[in-house]
Amino acid sequence: MKYHEDNDELITIFAGSPVDAEMVNHLLQDNDIETLIKNQLMGTLAPWQVTAGGHAPVEVVIHERDAGKAKSLIEEFHKQS
């Protein structure tokens, strides 16, 4: 059996409110980019404990190899909203 080894770094591509992070998360997943949301629960319950002042408490994390595609998708999304 062969196992896939992925040594690709994980990076934060977006940080924001829980609602905005969820929208970005779905956008990226819909375009075949694997994502992970960090601080989702704490960002909702106690954002001041995740980041100072509660600013941008929820992060969307992706593989570094997907950064170019993800940035383009996020920029296009912000232009339309």
N, C-alpha and C. Protein backbone atom coordinates (compact mmCIF):
# COMPACT_ATOMS: atom_id res chain seq x y z
N MET A 1 0.84 -1.18 0.00
CA MET A 1 0.00 0.00 0.00
C MET A 1 0.89 1.25 0.00
N LYS A 2 0.56 2.18 -0.85
CA LYS A 2 1.34 3.42 -0.97
C LYS A 2 0.60 4.55 -0.27
N TYR A 3 1.31 5.25 0.57
CA TYR A 3 0.73 6.39 1.26
C TYR A 3 1.23 7.68 0.63
N HIS A 4 0.33 8.63 0.52
CA HIS A 4 0.68 9.94 -0.04
C HIS A 4 1.30 10.79 1.06
N GLU A 5 2.52 11.22 0.84
CA GLU A 5 3.16 12.12 1.79
C GLU A 5 3.06 13.53 1.26
N ASP A 6 2.55 14.41 2.08
CA ASP A 6 2.38 15.79 1.67
C ASP A 6 3.20 16.67 2.60
N ASN A 7 4.33 17.14 2.11
CA ASN A 7 5.21 17.99 2.91
C ASN A 7 4.93 19.46 2.67
N ASP A 8 3.84 19.76 2.00
CA ASP A 8 3.46 21.13 1.69
C ASP A 8 3.10 21.87 2.98
N GLU A 9 3.58 23.08 3.11
CA GLU A 9 3.28 23.91 4.27
C GLU A 9 1.82 24.35 4.27
N LEU A 10 1.27 24.56 5.45
CA LEU A 10 -0.06 25.13 5.59
C LEU A 10 0.10 26.62 5.85
N ILE A 11 -0.74 27.42 5.20
CA ILE A 11 -0.69 28.87 5.38
C ILE A 11 -2.10 29.40 5.64
N THR A 12 -2.17 30.53 6.31
CA THR A 12 -3.45 31.21 6.51
C THR A 12 -3.68 32.09 5.29
N ILE A 13 -4.76 31.84 4.58
CA ILE A 13 -5.08 32.61 3.38
C ILE A 13 -6.10 33.70 3.66
N PHE A 14 -6.84 33.55 4.77
CA PHE A 14 -7.87 34.54 5.11
C PHE A 14 -8.07 34.53 6.62
N ALA A 15 -8.29 35.70 7.18
CA ALA A 15 -8.65 35.84 8.59
C ALA A 15 -9.75 36.89 8.67
N GLY A 16 -10.82 36.56 9.37
CA GLY A 16 -11.93 37.49 9.46
C GLY A 16 -13.01 36.99 10.39
N SER A 17 -14.17 37.56 10.26
CA SER A 17 -15.30 37.17 11.10
C SER A 17 -15.70 35.73 10.78
N PRO A 18 -16.40 35.07 11.69
CA PRO A 18 -16.84 33.70 11.42
C PRO A 18 -17.67 33.58 10.14
N VAL A 19 -18.54 34.55 9.87
CA VAL A 19 -19.38 34.50 8.67
C VAL A 19 -18.54 34.65 7.41
N ASP A 20 -17.64 35.63 7.39
CA ASP A 20 -16.78 35.84 6.22
C ASP A 20 -15.86 34.64 5.98
N ALA A 21 -15.31 34.10 7.06
CA ALA A 21 -14.43 32.95 6.94
C ALA A 21 -15.18 31.75 6.36
N GLU A 22 -16.41 31.57 6.77
CA GLU A 22 -17.21 30.45 6.26
C GLU A 22 -17.49 30.64 4.77
N MET A 23 -17.77 31.86 4.34
CA MET A 23 -18.02 32.12 2.92
C MET A 23 -16.76 31.84 2.09
N VAL A 24 -15.61 32.29 2.56
CA VAL A 24 -14.35 32.05 1.86
C VAL A 24 -14.05 30.55 1.85
N ASN A 25 -14.29 29.89 2.96
CA ASN A 25 -14.08 28.45 3.05
C ASN A 25 -14.88 27.71 1.98
N HIS A 26 -16.16 28.02 1.85
CA HIS A 26 -17.01 27.37 0.85
C HIS A 26 -16.56 27.71 -0.57
N LEU A 27 -16.16 28.96 -0.79
CA LEU A 27 -15.67 29.37 -2.10
C LEU A 27 -14.47 28.53 -2.52
N LEU A 28 -13.53 28.37 -1.62
CA LEU A 28 -12.32 27.61 -1.94
C LEU A 28 -12.63 26.13 -2.12
N GLN A 29 -13.46 25.58 -1.25
CA GLN A 29 -13.81 24.16 -1.38
C GLN A 29 -14.56 23.90 -2.68
N ASP A 30 -15.42 24.81 -3.08
CA ASP A 30 -16.16 24.66 -4.33
C ASP A 30 -15.23 24.68 -5.55
N ASN A 31 -14.02 25.20 -5.35
CA ASN A 31 -13.03 25.24 -6.43
C ASN A 31 -11.89 24.25 -6.18
N ASP A 32 -12.21 23.19 -5.47
CA ASP A 32 -11.30 22.06 -5.26
C ASP A 32 -10.02 22.41 -4.50
N ILE A 33 -10.13 23.33 -3.56
CA ILE A 33 -9.01 23.65 -2.68
C ILE A 33 -9.35 23.14 -1.29
N GLU A 34 -8.47 22.29 -0.75
CA GLU A 34 -8.69 21.77 0.60
C GLU A 34 -8.47 22.89 1.61
N THR A 35 -9.37 22.97 2.59
CA THR A 35 -9.28 24.03 3.59
C THR A 35 -9.41 23.47 5.00
N LEU A 36 -9.02 24.29 5.94
CA LEU A 36 -9.19 24.01 7.36
C LEU A 36 -9.54 25.34 8.00
N ILE A 37 -10.53 25.33 8.87
CA ILE A 37 -10.88 26.55 9.59
C ILE A 37 -10.34 26.45 11.00
N LYS A 38 -9.58 27.48 11.40
CA LYS A 38 -9.02 27.53 12.75
C LYS A 38 -9.79 28.55 13.59
N ASN A 39 -9.97 28.22 14.84
CA ASN A 39 -10.59 29.11 15.83
C ASN A 39 -12.07 29.37 15.57
N GLN A 40 -12.73 28.47 14.85
CA GLN A 40 -14.13 28.71 14.49
C GLN A 40 -15.01 28.83 15.73
N LEU A 41 -14.90 27.91 16.63
CA LEU A 41 -15.75 27.94 17.83
C LEU A 41 -15.36 29.09 18.74
N MET A 42 -14.08 29.23 19.03
CA MET A 42 -13.64 30.31 19.92
C MET A 42 -13.85 31.68 19.27
N GLY A 43 -13.73 31.75 17.97
CA GLY A 43 -13.96 33.01 17.27
C GLY A 43 -15.39 33.48 17.39
N THR A 44 -16.30 32.54 17.59
CA THR A 44 -17.71 32.86 17.74
C THR A 44 -18.04 33.17 19.20
N LEU A 45 -17.53 32.36 20.11
CA LEU A 45 -17.87 32.49 21.52
C LEU A 45 -17.10 33.60 22.22
N ALA A 46 -15.80 33.65 21.98
CA ALA A 46 -14.95 34.60 22.70
C ALA A 46 -13.83 35.09 21.79
N PRO A 47 -14.15 35.92 20.80
CA PRO A 47 -13.12 36.35 19.85
C PRO A 47 -11.96 37.09 20.48
N TRP A 48 -12.17 37.77 21.60
CA TRP A 48 -11.10 38.50 22.27
C TRP A 48 -10.05 37.55 22.85
N GLN A 49 -10.40 36.26 23.04
CA GLN A 49 -9.43 35.29 23.55
C GLN A 49 -8.59 34.69 22.43
N VAL A 50 -9.05 34.80 21.19
CA VAL A 50 -8.32 34.25 20.05
C VAL A 50 -7.33 35.27 19.52
N THR A 51 -7.77 36.51 19.35
CA THR A 51 -6.89 37.58 18.90
C THR A 51 -7.21 38.84 19.69
N ALA A 52 -6.23 39.68 19.84
CA ALA A 52 -6.42 40.91 20.60
C ALA A 52 -7.56 41.75 20.02
N GLY A 53 -8.49 42.13 20.84
CA GLY A 53 -9.60 42.96 20.41
C GLY A 53 -10.65 42.21 19.61
N GLY A 54 -10.44 40.93 19.38
CA GLY A 54 -11.43 40.14 18.66
C GLY A 54 -11.43 40.40 17.16
N HIS A 55 -10.41 41.07 16.65
CA HIS A 55 -10.36 41.38 15.22
C HIS A 55 -9.88 40.17 14.43
N ALA A 56 -10.64 39.77 13.42
CA ALA A 56 -10.29 38.67 12.52
C ALA A 56 -9.94 37.39 13.28
N PRO A 57 -10.87 36.90 14.09
CA PRO A 57 -10.55 35.76 14.95
C PRO A 57 -10.54 34.39 14.26
N VAL A 58 -11.19 34.25 13.12
CA VAL A 58 -11.30 32.95 12.47
C VAL A 58 -10.42 32.94 11.22
N GLU A 59 -9.62 31.86 11.06
CA GLU A 59 -8.69 31.77 9.95
C GLU A 59 -9.04 30.61 9.02
N VAL A 60 -8.86 30.84 7.73
CA VAL A 60 -8.99 29.77 6.73
C VAL A 60 -7.56 29.40 6.32
N VAL A 61 -7.23 28.12 6.48
CA VAL A 61 -5.89 27.62 6.24
C VAL A 61 -5.93 26.69 5.02
N ILE A 62 -4.91 26.81 4.16
CA ILE A 62 -4.81 25.97 2.96
C ILE A 62 -3.37 25.49 2.79
N HIS A 63 -3.17 24.60 1.82
CA HIS A 63 -1.82 24.20 1.44
C HIS A 63 -1.19 25.34 0.66
N GLU A 64 0.08 25.56 0.90
CA GLU A 64 0.80 26.65 0.24
C GLU A 64 0.75 26.53 -1.28
N ARG A 65 0.73 25.31 -1.80
CA ARG A 65 0.70 25.11 -3.26
C ARG A 65 -0.56 25.69 -3.91
N ASP A 66 -1.64 25.89 -3.12
CA ASP A 66 -2.90 26.42 -3.64
C ASP A 66 -3.03 27.92 -3.46
N ALA A 67 -2.01 28.57 -2.94
CA ALA A 67 -2.11 29.98 -2.57
C ALA A 67 -2.45 30.89 -3.75
N GLY A 68 -1.81 30.70 -4.89
CA GLY A 68 -2.07 31.56 -6.04
C GLY A 68 -3.51 31.49 -6.49
N LYS A 69 -4.02 30.30 -6.65
CA LYS A 69 -5.41 30.10 -7.08
C LYS A 69 -6.36 30.67 -6.04
N ALA A 70 -6.08 30.41 -4.76
CA ALA A 70 -6.96 30.87 -3.69
C ALA A 70 -7.01 32.40 -3.63
N LYS A 71 -5.85 33.05 -3.75
CA LYS A 71 -5.82 34.52 -3.71
C LYS A 71 -6.64 35.11 -4.84
N SER A 72 -6.52 34.53 -6.03
CA SER A 72 -7.30 35.02 -7.17
C SER A 72 -8.79 34.87 -6.92
N LEU A 73 -9.20 33.73 -6.39
CA LEU A 73 -10.62 33.50 -6.11
C LEU A 73 -11.15 34.48 -5.06
N ILE A 74 -10.37 34.70 -4.03
CA ILE A 74 -10.79 35.61 -2.95
C ILE A 74 -10.87 37.05 -3.47
N GLU A 75 -9.89 37.46 -4.26
CA GLU A 75 -9.92 38.82 -4.83
C GLU A 75 -11.14 39.02 -5.72
N GLU A 76 -11.44 38.04 -6.56
CA GLU A 76 -12.62 38.12 -7.43
C GLU A 76 -13.90 38.16 -6.60
N PHE A 77 -13.94 37.39 -5.55
CA PHE A 77 -15.11 37.37 -4.66
C PHE A 77 -15.32 38.74 -4.03
N HIS A 78 -14.24 39.38 -3.56
CA HIS A 78 -14.37 40.70 -2.93
C HIS A 78 -14.78 41.77 -3.94
N LYS A 79 -14.36 41.65 -5.19
CA LYS A 79 -14.77 42.61 -6.21
C LYS A 79 -16.27 42.55 -6.47
N GLN A 80 -16.84 41.35 -6.39
CA GLN A 80 -18.26 41.15 -6.67
C GLN A 80 -19.14 41.52 -5.49
N SER A 81 -18.58 41.56 -4.28
CA SER A 81 -19.43 41.86 -3.12
C SER A 81 -19.42 43.31 -2.72
